[in-house]
Amino acid sequence: MATAQRLFGERGYRATTMEDIANAAGVTKPLLYQHFSSKRALYLELVQQVSTELLSALRSAHRRASNPREMTENGYRAYFELIVTHEDAFRLLFGRAAPEDPELSMAARQVQTAVLDALESTMPADLGAEHRRLLAFVMVGIAEGGTRFWVEWAKNKAKAAGQDHAVTSPDDVRILAERVARVAWAGLRSVEPE
């Protein structure tokens, strides 16, 4: 699963074959097909797995918060801990090389919808439904943009240090979450009901 996630994240759905996955994982293609009937089935399983992990991390982070500001920062930290430290998962869900296949694209959109629903449920009830949804989209956009920046920054930092892979420390994740949450919270706390 980790090998398939990495390859789909690096190459995209179309360019990755079951043979590529089997070879990279050190197994035979028939063994891979014993577990997954097709590349599509494997991809859908990965999307579901990443989605479940992300939503669970967000819900847990929100439950630990004692106030809305803390909820914002905890949510971003949970997101960045999962996504920044699992770059392939981020690419799988939010990569630009998303599958053109309607069913596979829908699976990735369902993840985004579930995240939006979770965020929207934490917003003040006195805001209109469309207003809450817009703010949820904005918060997701801030997270995605922050992650894209951080992944590129970490790669450049690793390259400058002569390393093959970027290493993201817990302090890096904390700093990223704090900075992004500060921007998001500054905007959220100024929101007023229509």
N, C-alpha and C. Protein backbone atom coordinates (compact mmCIF):
# COMPACT_ATOMS: atom_id res chain seq x y z
N MET A 1 0.83 -1.19 0.00
CA MET A 1 0.00 0.00 0.00
C MET A 1 0.88 1.26 0.00
N ALA A 2 1.91 1.26 0.83
CA ALA A 2 2.79 2.43 0.90
C ALA A 2 3.51 2.64 -0.44
N THR A 3 3.92 1.56 -1.06
CA THR A 3 4.59 1.67 -2.36
C THR A 3 3.63 2.20 -3.41
N ALA A 4 2.42 1.71 -3.44
CA ALA A 4 1.42 2.18 -4.41
C ALA A 4 1.11 3.65 -4.16
N GLN A 5 0.97 4.03 -2.92
CA GLN A 5 0.69 5.44 -2.59
C GLN A 5 1.83 6.33 -3.07
N ARG A 6 3.06 5.89 -2.85
CA ARG A 6 4.23 6.67 -3.29
C ARG A 6 4.24 6.81 -4.81
N LEU A 7 4.03 5.71 -5.52
CA LEU A 7 4.08 5.76 -6.98
C LEU A 7 2.94 6.58 -7.56
N PHE A 8 1.72 6.40 -7.04
CA PHE A 8 0.60 7.21 -7.52
C PHE A 8 0.88 8.69 -7.24
N GLY A 9 1.44 8.97 -6.08
CA GLY A 9 1.75 10.35 -5.71
C GLY A 9 2.82 10.96 -6.61
N GLU A 10 3.83 10.19 -6.93
CA GLU A 10 4.93 10.69 -7.76
C GLU A 10 4.56 10.79 -9.23
N ARG A 11 3.90 9.75 -9.75
CA ARG A 11 3.68 9.65 -11.19
C ARG A 11 2.27 10.00 -11.63
N GLY A 12 1.33 9.93 -10.70
CA GLY A 12 -0.06 10.09 -11.08
C GLY A 12 -0.69 8.74 -11.37
N TYR A 13 -2.00 8.73 -11.45
CA TYR A 13 -2.73 7.48 -11.64
C TYR A 13 -2.44 6.85 -13.00
N ARG A 14 -2.55 7.63 -14.04
CA ARG A 14 -2.43 7.09 -15.40
C ARG A 14 -1.06 6.48 -15.66
N ALA A 15 -0.01 7.14 -15.21
CA ALA A 15 1.36 6.69 -15.52
C ALA A 15 1.84 5.54 -14.65
N THR A 16 1.09 5.17 -13.65
CA THR A 16 1.48 4.08 -12.75
C THR A 16 0.76 2.80 -13.14
N THR A 17 1.51 1.73 -13.28
CA THR A 17 0.91 0.44 -13.64
C THR A 17 0.99 -0.52 -12.45
N MET A 18 0.19 -1.54 -12.50
CA MET A 18 0.24 -2.57 -11.46
C MET A 18 1.61 -3.25 -11.48
N GLU A 19 2.19 -3.40 -12.65
CA GLU A 19 3.52 -3.99 -12.76
C GLU A 19 4.56 -3.10 -12.06
N ASP A 20 4.45 -1.79 -12.25
CA ASP A 20 5.36 -0.86 -11.56
C ASP A 20 5.25 -1.04 -10.05
N ILE A 21 4.03 -1.12 -9.56
CA ILE A 21 3.79 -1.24 -8.12
C ILE A 21 4.35 -2.55 -7.60
N ALA A 22 4.07 -3.65 -8.32
CA ALA A 22 4.56 -4.96 -7.90
C ALA A 22 6.09 -4.98 -7.86
N ASN A 23 6.72 -4.47 -8.91
CA ASN A 23 8.19 -4.46 -8.96
C ASN A 23 8.77 -3.62 -7.82
N ALA A 24 8.21 -2.44 -7.61
CA ALA A 24 8.73 -1.57 -6.55
C ALA A 24 8.51 -2.15 -5.16
N ALA A 25 7.44 -2.91 -5.00
CA ALA A 25 7.14 -3.51 -3.70
C ALA A 25 7.86 -4.85 -3.50
N GLY A 26 8.49 -5.35 -4.57
CA GLY A 26 9.21 -6.62 -4.46
C GLY A 26 8.30 -7.82 -4.40
N VAL A 27 7.15 -7.73 -5.04
CA VAL A 27 6.21 -8.85 -5.11
C VAL A 27 5.87 -9.11 -6.58
N THR A 28 5.19 -10.21 -6.81
CA THR A 28 4.79 -10.51 -8.18
C THR A 28 3.46 -9.83 -8.49
N LYS A 29 3.24 -9.60 -9.76
CA LYS A 29 1.99 -8.97 -10.18
C LYS A 29 0.78 -9.86 -9.82
N PRO A 30 0.88 -11.20 -10.01
CA PRO A 30 -0.25 -12.04 -9.60
C PRO A 30 -0.58 -11.93 -8.10
N LEU A 31 0.45 -11.77 -7.27
CA LEU A 31 0.21 -11.61 -5.84
C LEU A 31 -0.54 -10.31 -5.57
N LEU A 32 -0.16 -9.26 -6.28
CA LEU A 32 -0.84 -7.98 -6.14
C LEU A 32 -2.31 -8.11 -6.53
N TYR A 33 -2.56 -8.84 -7.60
CA TYR A 33 -3.94 -9.03 -8.07
C TYR A 33 -4.75 -9.95 -7.14
N GLN A 34 -4.08 -10.71 -6.29
CA GLN A 34 -4.83 -11.50 -5.29
C GLN A 34 -5.48 -10.58 -4.27
N HIS A 35 -4.88 -9.43 -4.03
CA HIS A 35 -5.39 -8.50 -3.04
C HIS A 35 -6.26 -7.40 -3.63
N PHE A 36 -5.99 -7.03 -4.88
CA PHE A 36 -6.74 -5.96 -5.54
C PHE A 36 -7.10 -6.40 -6.95
N SER A 37 -8.35 -6.35 -7.28
CA SER A 37 -8.80 -6.84 -8.58
C SER A 37 -8.32 -5.98 -9.74
N SER A 38 -7.95 -4.73 -9.45
CA SER A 38 -7.51 -3.83 -10.52
C SER A 38 -6.74 -2.65 -9.92
N LYS A 39 -6.11 -1.90 -10.79
CA LYS A 39 -5.43 -0.68 -10.37
C LYS A 39 -6.46 0.29 -9.78
N ARG A 40 -7.62 0.33 -10.38
CA ARG A 40 -8.70 1.19 -9.89
C ARG A 40 -9.06 0.83 -8.46
N ALA A 41 -9.21 -0.47 -8.17
CA ALA A 41 -9.58 -0.92 -6.82
C ALA A 41 -8.49 -0.53 -5.81
N LEU A 42 -7.24 -0.68 -6.21
CA LEU A 42 -6.13 -0.31 -5.34
C LEU A 42 -6.14 1.19 -5.06
N TYR A 43 -6.32 1.99 -6.09
CA TYR A 43 -6.36 3.44 -5.94
C TYR A 43 -7.50 3.87 -5.02
N LEU A 44 -8.69 3.31 -5.25
CA LEU A 44 -9.84 3.65 -4.41
C LEU A 44 -9.60 3.26 -2.95
N GLU A 45 -8.96 2.13 -2.73
CA GLU A 45 -8.63 1.70 -1.36
C GLU A 45 -7.67 2.70 -0.71
N LEU A 46 -6.69 3.16 -1.46
CA LEU A 46 -5.74 4.13 -0.93
C LEU A 46 -6.42 5.45 -0.58
N VAL A 47 -7.28 5.93 -1.46
CA VAL A 47 -7.99 7.18 -1.20
C VAL A 47 -8.83 7.03 0.06
N GLN A 48 -9.51 5.90 0.19
CA GLN A 48 -10.34 5.67 1.38
C GLN A 48 -9.49 5.62 2.64
N GLN A 49 -8.35 4.96 2.58
CA GLN A 49 -7.45 4.84 3.73
C GLN A 49 -6.94 6.21 4.16
N VAL A 50 -6.46 7.01 3.21
CA VAL A 50 -5.94 8.33 3.53
C VAL A 50 -7.06 9.22 4.07
N SER A 51 -8.22 9.12 3.47
CA SER A 51 -9.37 9.91 3.91
C SER A 51 -9.74 9.59 5.35
N THR A 52 -9.82 8.32 5.67
CA THR A 52 -10.18 7.90 7.02
C THR A 52 -9.17 8.41 8.03
N GLU A 53 -7.91 8.30 7.69
CA GLU A 53 -6.85 8.75 8.60
C GLU A 53 -6.91 10.27 8.80
N LEU A 54 -7.11 11.01 7.72
CA LEU A 54 -7.18 12.47 7.81
C LEU A 54 -8.37 12.92 8.63
N LEU A 55 -9.54 12.37 8.36
CA LEU A 55 -10.75 12.77 9.10
C LEU A 55 -10.65 12.40 10.57
N SER A 56 -10.09 11.25 10.86
CA SER A 56 -9.91 10.83 12.25
C SER A 56 -8.97 11.79 12.98
N ALA A 57 -7.88 12.19 12.32
CA ALA A 57 -6.93 13.12 12.94
C ALA A 57 -7.59 14.48 13.18
N LEU A 58 -8.38 14.96 12.23
CA LEU A 58 -9.06 16.25 12.40
C LEU A 58 -10.08 16.21 13.53
N ARG A 59 -10.87 15.15 13.60
CA ARG A 59 -11.88 15.04 14.66
C ARG A 59 -11.23 14.96 16.03
N SER A 60 -10.16 14.21 16.12
CA SER A 60 -9.44 14.08 17.39
C SER A 60 -8.85 15.43 17.81
N ALA A 61 -8.30 16.15 16.86
CA ALA A 61 -7.72 17.47 17.15
C ALA A 61 -8.79 18.44 17.64
N HIS A 62 -9.95 18.40 17.03
CA HIS A 62 -11.03 19.30 17.44
C HIS A 62 -11.55 18.96 18.84
N ARG A 63 -11.61 17.66 19.15
CA ARG A 63 -12.09 17.25 20.48
C ARG A 63 -11.14 17.70 21.58
N ARG A 64 -9.85 17.78 21.28
CA ARG A 64 -8.85 18.19 22.29
C ARG A 64 -8.84 19.69 22.54
N ALA A 65 -9.47 20.45 21.70
CA ALA A 65 -9.43 21.91 21.81
C ALA A 65 -10.38 22.40 22.88
N SER A 66 -9.96 23.45 23.59
CA SER A 66 -10.82 24.03 24.63
C SER A 66 -11.49 25.32 24.18
N ASN A 67 -11.08 25.84 23.00
CA ASN A 67 -11.69 27.06 22.48
C ASN A 67 -11.53 27.09 20.95
N PRO A 68 -12.24 27.99 20.27
CA PRO A 68 -12.17 28.03 18.81
C PRO A 68 -10.76 28.29 18.25
N ARG A 69 -9.99 29.14 18.91
CA ARG A 69 -8.63 29.42 18.44
C ARG A 69 -7.79 28.15 18.49
N GLU A 70 -7.88 27.43 19.57
CA GLU A 70 -7.14 26.18 19.74
C GLU A 70 -7.63 25.14 18.72
N MET A 71 -8.93 25.13 18.46
CA MET A 71 -9.49 24.20 17.49
C MET A 71 -8.88 24.45 16.11
N THR A 72 -8.72 25.73 15.77
CA THR A 72 -8.13 26.08 14.47
C THR A 72 -6.69 25.58 14.38
N GLU A 73 -5.90 25.88 15.40
CA GLU A 73 -4.50 25.47 15.37
C GLU A 73 -4.36 23.95 15.45
N ASN A 74 -5.13 23.31 16.32
CA ASN A 74 -5.06 21.85 16.42
C ASN A 74 -5.43 21.18 15.10
N GLY A 75 -6.44 21.73 14.45
CA GLY A 75 -6.87 21.17 13.16
C GLY A 75 -5.77 21.27 12.12
N TYR A 76 -5.14 22.44 12.03
CA TYR A 76 -4.05 22.59 11.07
C TYR A 76 -2.86 21.70 11.44
N ARG A 77 -2.57 21.61 12.72
CA ARG A 77 -1.44 20.76 13.12
C ARG A 77 -1.70 19.30 12.76
N ALA A 78 -2.91 18.82 13.03
CA ALA A 78 -3.25 17.44 12.67
C ALA A 78 -3.12 17.22 11.17
N TYR A 79 -3.62 18.17 10.40
CA TYR A 79 -3.54 18.08 8.94
C TYR A 79 -2.08 18.05 8.49
N PHE A 80 -1.27 18.99 9.00
CA PHE A 80 0.12 19.06 8.56
C PHE A 80 0.93 17.86 9.04
N GLU A 81 0.65 17.36 10.24
CA GLU A 81 1.37 16.18 10.71
C GLU A 81 1.15 15.01 9.76
N LEU A 82 -0.08 14.85 9.33
CA LEU A 82 -0.38 13.75 8.41
C LEU A 82 0.14 14.03 7.01
N ILE A 83 -0.19 15.17 6.48
CA ILE A 83 0.11 15.46 5.08
C ILE A 83 1.57 15.81 4.83
N VAL A 84 2.15 16.66 5.65
CA VAL A 84 3.54 17.06 5.42
C VAL A 84 4.48 15.87 5.65
N THR A 85 4.18 15.05 6.62
CA THR A 85 5.04 13.90 6.88
C THR A 85 4.71 12.72 5.98
N HIS A 86 3.61 12.80 5.25
CA HIS A 86 3.22 11.76 4.27
C HIS A 86 2.89 12.47 2.96
N GLU A 87 3.93 13.01 2.34
CA GLU A 87 3.75 13.82 1.14
C GLU A 87 2.98 13.07 0.05
N ASP A 88 3.19 11.76 -0.04
CA ASP A 88 2.50 10.98 -1.07
C ASP A 88 0.99 10.99 -0.86
N ALA A 89 0.57 11.01 0.39
CA ALA A 89 -0.87 11.07 0.68
C ALA A 89 -1.44 12.40 0.19
N PHE A 90 -0.72 13.47 0.42
CA PHE A 90 -1.14 14.79 -0.06
C PHE A 90 -1.27 14.79 -1.57
N ARG A 91 -0.26 14.27 -2.24
CA ARG A 91 -0.31 14.23 -3.71
C ARG A 91 -1.45 13.35 -4.21
N LEU A 92 -1.69 12.26 -3.52
CA LEU A 92 -2.77 11.36 -3.92
C LEU A 92 -4.11 12.07 -3.87
N LEU A 93 -4.35 12.82 -2.80
CA LEU A 93 -5.64 13.48 -2.64
C LEU A 93 -5.73 14.80 -3.39
N PHE A 94 -4.66 15.58 -3.38
CA PHE A 94 -4.75 16.95 -3.89
C PHE A 94 -3.82 17.23 -5.05
N GLY A 95 -3.16 16.21 -5.57
CA GLY A 95 -2.21 16.42 -6.66
C GLY A 95 -2.88 16.93 -7.93
N ARG A 96 -2.08 17.60 -8.71
CA ARG A 96 -2.60 18.16 -9.97
C ARG A 96 -2.83 17.09 -11.02
N ALA A 97 -2.22 15.92 -10.86
CA ALA A 97 -2.38 14.85 -11.84
C ALA A 97 -3.47 13.89 -11.40
N ALA A 98 -4.59 14.44 -10.98
CA ALA A 98 -5.72 13.60 -10.55
C ALA A 98 -6.24 12.81 -11.74
N PRO A 99 -6.76 11.64 -11.48
CA PRO A 99 -7.27 10.81 -12.57
C PRO A 99 -8.42 11.49 -13.31
N GLU A 100 -8.46 11.28 -14.61
CA GLU A 100 -9.54 11.83 -15.41
C GLU A 100 -10.80 10.97 -15.30
N ASP A 101 -10.65 9.78 -14.78
CA ASP A 101 -11.75 8.85 -14.60
C ASP A 101 -12.77 9.45 -13.62
N PRO A 102 -14.04 9.55 -14.01
CA PRO A 102 -15.05 10.18 -13.14
C PRO A 102 -15.18 9.52 -11.76
N GLU A 103 -15.15 8.20 -11.70
CA GLU A 103 -15.29 7.52 -10.41
C GLU A 103 -14.11 7.81 -9.49
N LEU A 104 -12.91 7.80 -10.05
CA LEU A 104 -11.73 8.04 -9.23
C LEU A 104 -11.65 9.51 -8.80
N SER A 105 -12.01 10.39 -9.69
CA SER A 105 -12.05 11.81 -9.34
C SER A 105 -13.10 12.06 -8.26
N MET A 106 -14.23 11.37 -8.36
CA MET A 106 -15.29 11.53 -7.37
C MET A 106 -14.81 11.06 -5.99
N ALA A 107 -14.04 9.99 -5.95
CA ALA A 107 -13.54 9.49 -4.67
C ALA A 107 -12.68 10.55 -3.99
N ALA A 108 -11.81 11.21 -4.76
CA ALA A 108 -10.97 12.26 -4.18
C ALA A 108 -11.82 13.46 -3.76
N ARG A 109 -12.84 13.80 -4.54
CA ARG A 109 -13.72 14.92 -4.17
C ARG A 109 -14.52 14.60 -2.92
N GLN A 110 -14.87 13.33 -2.72
CA GLN A 110 -15.61 12.96 -1.51
C GLN A 110 -14.77 13.19 -0.27
N VAL A 111 -13.47 13.00 -0.39
CA VAL A 111 -12.57 13.29 0.74
C VAL A 111 -12.63 14.78 1.06
N GLN A 112 -12.53 15.60 0.02
CA GLN A 112 -12.59 17.04 0.22
C GLN A 112 -13.92 17.45 0.83
N THR A 113 -15.01 16.85 0.36
CA THR A 113 -16.33 17.16 0.89
C THR A 113 -16.42 16.79 2.36
N ALA A 114 -15.88 15.64 2.73
CA ALA A 114 -15.91 15.21 4.13
C ALA A 114 -15.12 16.16 5.01
N VAL A 115 -13.97 16.63 4.52
CA VAL A 115 -13.17 17.59 5.28
C VAL A 115 -13.93 18.90 5.41
N LEU A 116 -14.55 19.36 4.32
CA LEU A 116 -15.34 20.60 4.36
C LEU A 116 -16.49 20.47 5.35
N ASP A 117 -17.17 19.33 5.34
CA ASP A 117 -18.28 19.10 6.28
C ASP A 117 -17.79 19.17 7.72
N ALA A 118 -16.62 18.54 7.97
CA ALA A 118 -16.07 18.55 9.33
C ALA A 118 -15.73 19.97 9.77
N LEU A 119 -15.12 20.73 8.90
CA LEU A 119 -14.78 22.12 9.24
C LEU A 119 -16.02 22.96 9.44
N GLU A 120 -16.97 22.80 8.55
CA GLU A 120 -18.20 23.59 8.62
C GLU A 120 -18.95 23.35 9.92
N SER A 121 -18.90 22.11 10.40
CA SER A 121 -19.62 21.78 11.63
C SER A 121 -19.03 22.47 12.86
N THR A 122 -17.80 22.98 12.76
CA THR A 122 -17.16 23.64 13.90
C THR A 122 -17.41 25.14 13.91
N MET A 123 -18.08 25.66 12.90
CA MET A 123 -18.27 27.11 12.79
C MET A 123 -19.55 27.56 13.48
N PRO A 124 -19.58 28.82 13.87
CA PRO A 124 -20.76 29.32 14.58
C PRO A 124 -22.06 29.10 13.80
N ALA A 125 -23.08 28.65 14.50
CA ALA A 125 -24.36 28.36 13.87
C ALA A 125 -25.07 29.62 13.37
N ASP A 126 -24.69 30.78 13.91
CA ASP A 126 -25.38 32.00 13.48
C ASP A 126 -24.91 32.50 12.11
N LEU A 127 -23.90 31.84 11.54
CA LEU A 127 -23.50 32.15 10.17
C LEU A 127 -24.41 31.38 9.21
N GLY A 128 -24.71 31.95 8.09
CA GLY A 128 -25.52 31.26 7.10
C GLY A 128 -24.79 30.04 6.54
N ALA A 129 -25.54 29.08 6.01
CA ALA A 129 -24.96 27.84 5.49
C ALA A 129 -23.93 28.12 4.39
N GLU A 130 -24.25 29.01 3.47
CA GLU A 130 -23.31 29.32 2.39
C GLU A 130 -22.06 30.00 2.92
N HIS A 131 -22.22 30.84 3.92
CA HIS A 131 -21.09 31.53 4.52
C HIS A 131 -20.16 30.52 5.20
N ARG A 132 -20.73 29.59 5.96
CA ARG A 132 -19.92 28.56 6.61
C ARG A 132 -19.18 27.72 5.57
N ARG A 133 -19.85 27.37 4.48
CA ARG A 133 -19.24 26.54 3.44
C ARG A 133 -18.08 27.30 2.78
N LEU A 134 -18.29 28.57 2.50
CA LEU A 134 -17.22 29.39 1.91
C LEU A 134 -16.01 29.42 2.84
N LEU A 135 -16.23 29.65 4.12
CA LEU A 135 -15.12 29.69 5.07
C LEU A 135 -14.40 28.34 5.14
N ALA A 136 -15.15 27.25 5.07
CA ALA A 136 -14.53 25.92 5.08
C ALA A 136 -13.63 25.76 3.86
N PHE A 137 -14.11 26.18 2.69
CA PHE A 137 -13.29 26.12 1.48
C PHE A 137 -12.01 26.96 1.64
N VAL A 138 -12.16 28.14 2.21
CA VAL A 138 -11.01 29.01 2.41
C VAL A 138 -9.99 28.36 3.34
N MET A 139 -10.46 27.74 4.41
CA MET A 139 -9.55 27.08 5.35
C MET A 139 -8.81 25.92 4.68
N VAL A 140 -9.53 25.15 3.85
CA VAL A 140 -8.88 24.05 3.12
C VAL A 140 -7.86 24.62 2.14
N GLY A 141 -8.22 25.70 1.46
CA GLY A 141 -7.29 26.32 0.52
C GLY A 141 -6.02 26.80 1.19
N ILE A 142 -6.17 27.37 2.37
CA ILE A 142 -5.00 27.83 3.13
C ILE A 142 -4.11 26.64 3.46
N ALA A 143 -4.71 25.55 3.89
CA ALA A 143 -3.94 24.35 4.24
C ALA A 143 -3.23 23.78 3.02
N GLU A 144 -3.94 23.67 1.90
CA GLU A 144 -3.32 23.13 0.69
C GLU A 144 -2.17 24.02 0.21
N GLY A 145 -2.40 25.32 0.20
CA GLY A 145 -1.34 26.24 -0.22
C GLY A 145 -0.14 26.18 0.70
N GLY A 146 -0.39 26.13 2.00
CA GLY A 146 0.71 26.02 2.96
C GLY A 146 1.49 24.73 2.77
N THR A 147 0.79 23.66 2.49
CA THR A 147 1.45 22.38 2.29
C THR A 147 2.29 22.38 1.02
N ARG A 148 1.72 22.91 -0.06
CA ARG A 148 2.49 22.98 -1.32
C ARG A 148 3.77 23.78 -1.12
N PHE A 149 3.68 24.91 -0.42
CA PHE A 149 4.87 25.70 -0.14
C PHE A 149 5.86 24.88 0.68
N TRP A 150 5.38 24.24 1.77
CA TRP A 150 6.27 23.55 2.69
C TRP A 150 6.98 22.38 2.02
N VAL A 151 6.26 21.64 1.19
CA VAL A 151 6.87 20.50 0.50
C VAL A 151 7.99 20.99 -0.42
N GLU A 152 7.73 22.04 -1.17
CA GLU A 152 8.75 22.60 -2.07
C GLU A 152 9.93 23.15 -1.27
N TRP A 153 9.65 23.87 -0.19
CA TRP A 153 10.70 24.42 0.65
C TRP A 153 11.57 23.30 1.23
N ALA A 154 10.93 22.25 1.71
CA ALA A 154 11.68 21.13 2.31
C ALA A 154 12.55 20.43 1.27
N LYS A 155 12.05 20.28 0.05
CA LYS A 155 12.85 19.67 -1.02
C LYS A 155 14.07 20.52 -1.32
N ASN A 156 13.88 21.81 -1.44
CA ASN A 156 15.00 22.72 -1.72
C ASN A 156 16.01 22.71 -0.59
N LYS A 157 15.52 22.65 0.65
CA LYS A 157 16.41 22.60 1.82
C LYS A 157 17.23 21.31 1.80
N ALA A 158 16.58 20.19 1.48
CA ALA A 158 17.28 18.91 1.42
C ALA A 158 18.31 18.92 0.29
N LYS A 159 17.92 19.44 -0.85
CA LYS A 159 18.83 19.50 -2.00
C LYS A 159 20.06 20.33 -1.66
N ALA A 160 19.86 21.48 -1.02
CA ALA A 160 20.98 22.34 -0.64
C ALA A 160 21.91 21.64 0.36
N ALA A 161 21.35 20.75 1.17
CA ALA A 161 22.15 20.01 2.16
C ALA A 161 22.72 18.72 1.58
N GLY A 162 22.44 18.45 0.29
CA GLY A 162 22.96 17.24 -0.34
C GLY A 162 22.23 15.97 0.06
N GLN A 163 20.99 16.11 0.51
CA GLN A 163 20.20 14.96 0.94
C GLN A 163 19.22 14.56 -0.15
N ASP A 164 18.89 13.27 -0.20
CA ASP A 164 17.93 12.78 -1.19
C ASP A 164 16.50 13.13 -0.84
N HIS A 165 16.18 13.07 0.44
CA HIS A 165 14.81 13.30 0.88
C HIS A 165 14.76 14.36 1.98
N ALA A 166 13.71 15.12 1.94
CA ALA A 166 13.49 16.12 2.98
C ALA A 166 13.06 15.42 4.26
N VAL A 167 13.56 15.92 5.37
CA VAL A 167 13.16 15.40 6.67
C VAL A 167 12.41 16.51 7.38
N THR A 168 11.16 16.23 7.72
CA THR A 168 10.33 17.22 8.39
C THR A 168 10.25 16.84 9.86
N SER A 169 10.69 17.72 10.71
CA SER A 169 10.69 17.45 12.15
C SER A 169 9.36 17.85 12.76
N PRO A 170 9.06 17.34 13.96
CA PRO A 170 7.85 17.78 14.65
C PRO A 170 7.84 19.30 14.87
N ASP A 171 9.01 19.90 15.09
CA ASP A 171 9.07 21.36 15.25
C ASP A 171 8.68 22.06 13.95
N ASP A 172 9.11 21.50 12.80
CA ASP A 172 8.73 22.08 11.51
C ASP A 172 7.21 22.09 11.36
N VAL A 173 6.59 20.97 11.73
CA VAL A 173 5.13 20.86 11.61
C VAL A 173 4.45 21.85 12.55
N ARG A 174 4.97 21.96 13.78
CA ARG A 174 4.39 22.89 14.75
C ARG A 174 4.48 24.33 14.24
N ILE A 175 5.63 24.70 13.72
CA ILE A 175 5.81 26.06 13.21
C ILE A 175 4.88 26.33 12.04
N LEU A 176 4.80 25.38 11.12
CA LEU A 176 3.91 25.54 9.98
C LEU A 176 2.46 25.70 10.43
N ALA A 177 2.03 24.84 11.36
CA ALA A 177 0.65 24.91 11.86
C ALA A 177 0.39 26.24 12.55
N GLU A 178 1.33 26.68 13.38
CA GLU A 178 1.15 27.96 14.09
C GLU A 178 1.04 29.12 13.12
N ARG A 179 1.90 29.15 12.13
CA ARG A 179 1.88 30.27 11.17
C ARG A 179 0.60 30.29 10.36
N VAL A 180 0.21 29.15 9.86
CA VAL A 180 -1.00 29.07 9.04
C VAL A 180 -2.24 29.34 9.90
N ALA A 181 -2.27 28.78 11.10
CA ALA A 181 -3.42 28.99 11.98
C ALA A 181 -3.56 30.45 12.36
N ARG A 182 -2.44 31.14 12.54
CA ARG A 182 -2.49 32.56 12.88
C ARG A 182 -3.19 33.35 11.79
N VAL A 183 -2.86 33.06 10.54
CA VAL A 183 -3.50 33.75 9.41
C VAL A 183 -4.99 33.39 9.35
N ALA A 184 -5.28 32.10 9.46
CA ALA A 184 -6.67 31.66 9.38
C ALA A 184 -7.49 32.23 10.54
N TRP A 185 -6.93 32.18 11.74
CA TRP A 185 -7.68 32.67 12.90
C TRP A 185 -7.93 34.17 12.83
N ALA A 186 -6.94 34.91 12.32
CA ALA A 186 -7.14 36.37 12.17
C ALA A 186 -8.34 36.66 11.29
N GLY A 187 -8.50 35.87 10.25
CA GLY A 187 -9.66 36.06 9.37
C GLY A 187 -10.94 35.54 10.00
N LEU A 188 -10.89 34.38 10.62
CA LEU A 188 -12.10 33.77 11.18
C LEU A 188 -12.69 34.58 12.32
N ARG A 189 -11.85 35.13 13.17
CA ARG A 189 -12.39 35.85 14.32
C ARG A 189 -13.05 37.15 13.92
N SER A 190 -12.78 37.64 12.70
CA SER A 190 -13.42 38.88 12.25
C SER A 190 -14.71 38.63 11.49
N VAL A 191 -15.07 37.36 11.32
CA VAL A 191 -16.28 37.02 10.56
C VAL A 191 -17.51 37.34 11.41
N GLU A 192 -18.45 38.00 10.78
CA GLU A 192 -19.70 38.35 11.47
C GLU A 192 -20.86 37.75 10.71
N PRO A 193 -21.95 37.44 11.41
CA PRO A 193 -23.15 36.92 10.72
C PRO A 193 -23.64 37.95 9.70
N GLU A 194 -24.26 37.44 8.66
CA GLU A 194 -24.78 38.34 7.62
C GLU A 194 -25.98 39.09 8.12
